[in-house]
Structures are given as C-alpha cells and as structure tokens.
Amino acid sequence: MSKTDQATLRMAAIAAVIAEVTQQGDDPGQIARQPGLAWSQDHRRINTGQSSLMHRRASRSPWK
C-alpha cells in the first residue's frame, strides 16, 4: 500500500469511529458534567457545607 492509501484508510476509520460515537446519543465525556439525580445533587450540597437542595428550591429568588 502506498502512503496515500494508508492515510485515506486512516481518515476513513477515524470518521467511522466519530460517526458511531455521535449516533449513540450521550457523549461519554459529557456525562460527568450533568448534575445528576436530585439525591446526588443534595448529597453533594450537604457535603460541601451548602444548604439542602429542598431549601435552595424553596427560597425566594432575588429576581422576583
């Protein structure tokens, strides 16, 4: 095989992998950026010393 054939095959393989990953829906690299379930959010808030999620949702908004 010549160098151009190898480069073409490599680009086609990369494009096929990218197409397959985007068809699956959620990008695995972005899953950790999602807030998660309410229980998980509340647990993280309490562990970091913040008020509970229920208290945060029930408090008045400064935009009203």
C-alpha atoms as a PDB file:
ATOM      1  CA  MET A   1       0.000   0.000   0.000  1.00  0.00           C
ATOM      2  CA  SER A   2       1.137   3.483  -0.731  1.00  0.00           C
ATOM      3  CA  LYS A   3       1.225   6.286   1.815  1.00  0.00           C
ATOM      4  CA  THR A   4      -1.851   7.980   0.389  1.00  0.00           C
ATOM      5  CA  ASP A   5      -3.845   4.748   0.643  1.00  0.00           C
ATOM      6  CA  GLN A   6      -2.868   4.374   4.303  1.00  0.00           C
ATOM      7  CA  ALA A   7      -3.721   7.996   5.030  1.00  0.00           C
ATOM      8  CA  THR A   8      -7.079   7.630   3.298  1.00  0.00           C
ATOM      9  CA  LEU A   9      -7.878   4.450   5.217  1.00  0.00           C
ATOM     10  CA  ARG A  10      -6.840   6.097   8.487  1.00  0.00           C
ATOM     11  CA  MET A  11      -9.085   9.117   7.833  1.00  0.00           C
ATOM     12  CA  ALA A  12     -11.981   6.811   6.919  1.00  0.00           C
ATOM     13  CA  ALA A  13     -11.509   4.810  10.121  1.00  0.00           C
ATOM     14  CA  ILE A  14     -11.422   7.974  12.250  1.00  0.00           C
ATOM     15  CA  ALA A  15     -14.545   9.303  10.526  1.00  0.00           C
ATOM     16  CA  ALA A  16     -16.332   5.968  11.110  1.00  0.00           C
ATOM     17  CA  VAL A  17     -15.477   5.996  14.819  1.00  0.00           C
ATOM     18  CA  ILE A  18     -16.628   9.605  15.221  1.00  0.00           C
ATOM     19  CA  ALA A  19     -19.875   8.855  13.356  1.00  0.00           C
ATOM     20  CA  GLU A  20     -20.538   5.832  15.575  1.00  0.00           C
ATOM     21  CA  VAL A  21     -19.900   7.786  18.773  1.00  0.00           C
ATOM     22  CA  THR A  22     -22.209  10.639  17.770  1.00  0.00           C
ATOM     23  CA  GLN A  23     -25.018   8.214  16.845  1.00  0.00           C
ATOM     24  CA  GLN A  24     -25.026   6.696  20.328  1.00  0.00           C
ATOM     25  CA  GLY A  25     -26.524   9.857  21.839  1.00  0.00           C
ATOM     26  CA  ASP A  26     -24.782  10.988  25.021  1.00  0.00           C
ATOM     27  CA  ASP A  27     -21.130  11.804  24.707  1.00  0.00           C
ATOM     28  CA  PRO A  28     -19.325   9.797  27.401  1.00  0.00           C
ATOM     29  CA  GLY A  29     -17.053  12.751  28.074  1.00  0.00           C
ATOM     30  CA  GLN A  30     -20.033  14.974  28.934  1.00  0.00           C
ATOM     31  CA  ILE A  31     -21.815  12.631  31.356  1.00  0.00           C
ATOM     32  CA  ALA A  32     -19.801  13.887  34.327  1.00  0.00           C
ATOM     33  CA  ARG A  33     -20.882  17.470  33.574  1.00  0.00           C
ATOM     34  CA  GLN A  34     -24.579  16.673  34.076  1.00  0.00           C
ATOM     35  CA  PRO A  35     -25.953  17.478  37.551  1.00  0.00           C
ATOM     36  CA  GLY A  36     -27.446  14.027  38.118  1.00  0.00           C
ATOM     37  CA  LEU A  37     -30.376  12.963  40.264  1.00  0.00           C
ATOM     38  CA  ALA A  38     -31.833  15.238  42.928  1.00  0.00           C
ATOM     39  CA  TRP A  39     -30.499  12.909  45.646  1.00  0.00           C
ATOM     40  CA  SER A  40     -26.977  13.199  44.230  1.00  0.00           C
ATOM     41  CA  GLN A  41     -27.188  16.991  43.993  1.00  0.00           C
ATOM     42  CA  ASP A  42     -28.488  17.250  47.561  1.00  0.00           C
ATOM     43  CA  HIS A  43     -25.792  14.894  48.868  1.00  0.00           C
ATOM     44  CA  ARG A  44     -23.025  16.954  47.220  1.00  0.00           C
ATOM     45  CA  ARG A  45     -24.508  20.215  48.536  1.00  0.00           C
ATOM     46  CA  ILE A  46     -24.699  18.939  52.119  1.00  0.00           C
ATOM     47  CA  ASN A  47     -21.149  17.513  51.957  1.00  0.00           C
ATOM     48  CA  THR A  48     -19.762  20.843  50.764  1.00  0.00           C
ATOM     49  CA  GLY A  49     -21.490  22.782  53.540  1.00  0.00           C
ATOM     50  CA  GLN A  50     -24.229  24.339  51.435  1.00  0.00           C
ATOM     51  CA  SER A  51     -27.930  24.292  52.224  1.00  0.00           C
ATOM     52  CA  SER A  52     -30.039  21.385  51.057  1.00  0.00           C
ATOM     53  CA  LEU A  53     -31.492  21.276  47.578  1.00  0.00           C
ATOM     54  CA  MET A  54     -35.030  21.460  49.001  1.00  0.00           C
ATOM     55  CA  HIS A  55     -34.133  24.653  50.877  1.00  0.00           C
ATOM     56  CA  ARG A  56     -32.483  26.108  47.780  1.00  0.00           C
ATOM     57  CA  ARG A  57     -35.502  25.405  45.593  1.00  0.00           C
ATOM     58  CA  ALA A  58     -37.931  26.799  48.183  1.00  0.00           C
ATOM     59  CA  SER A  59     -36.039  30.014  48.895  1.00  0.00           C
ATOM     60  CA  ARG A  60     -37.096  33.273  47.308  1.00  0.00           C
ATOM     61  CA  SER A  61     -35.472  34.250  44.080  1.00  0.00           C
ATOM     62  CA  PRO A  62     -33.772  37.652  44.027  1.00  0.00           C
ATOM     63  CA  TRP A  63     -35.245  38.234  40.549  1.00  0.00           C
ATOM     64  CA  LYS A  64     -38.852  38.467  41.723  1.00  0.00           C
END
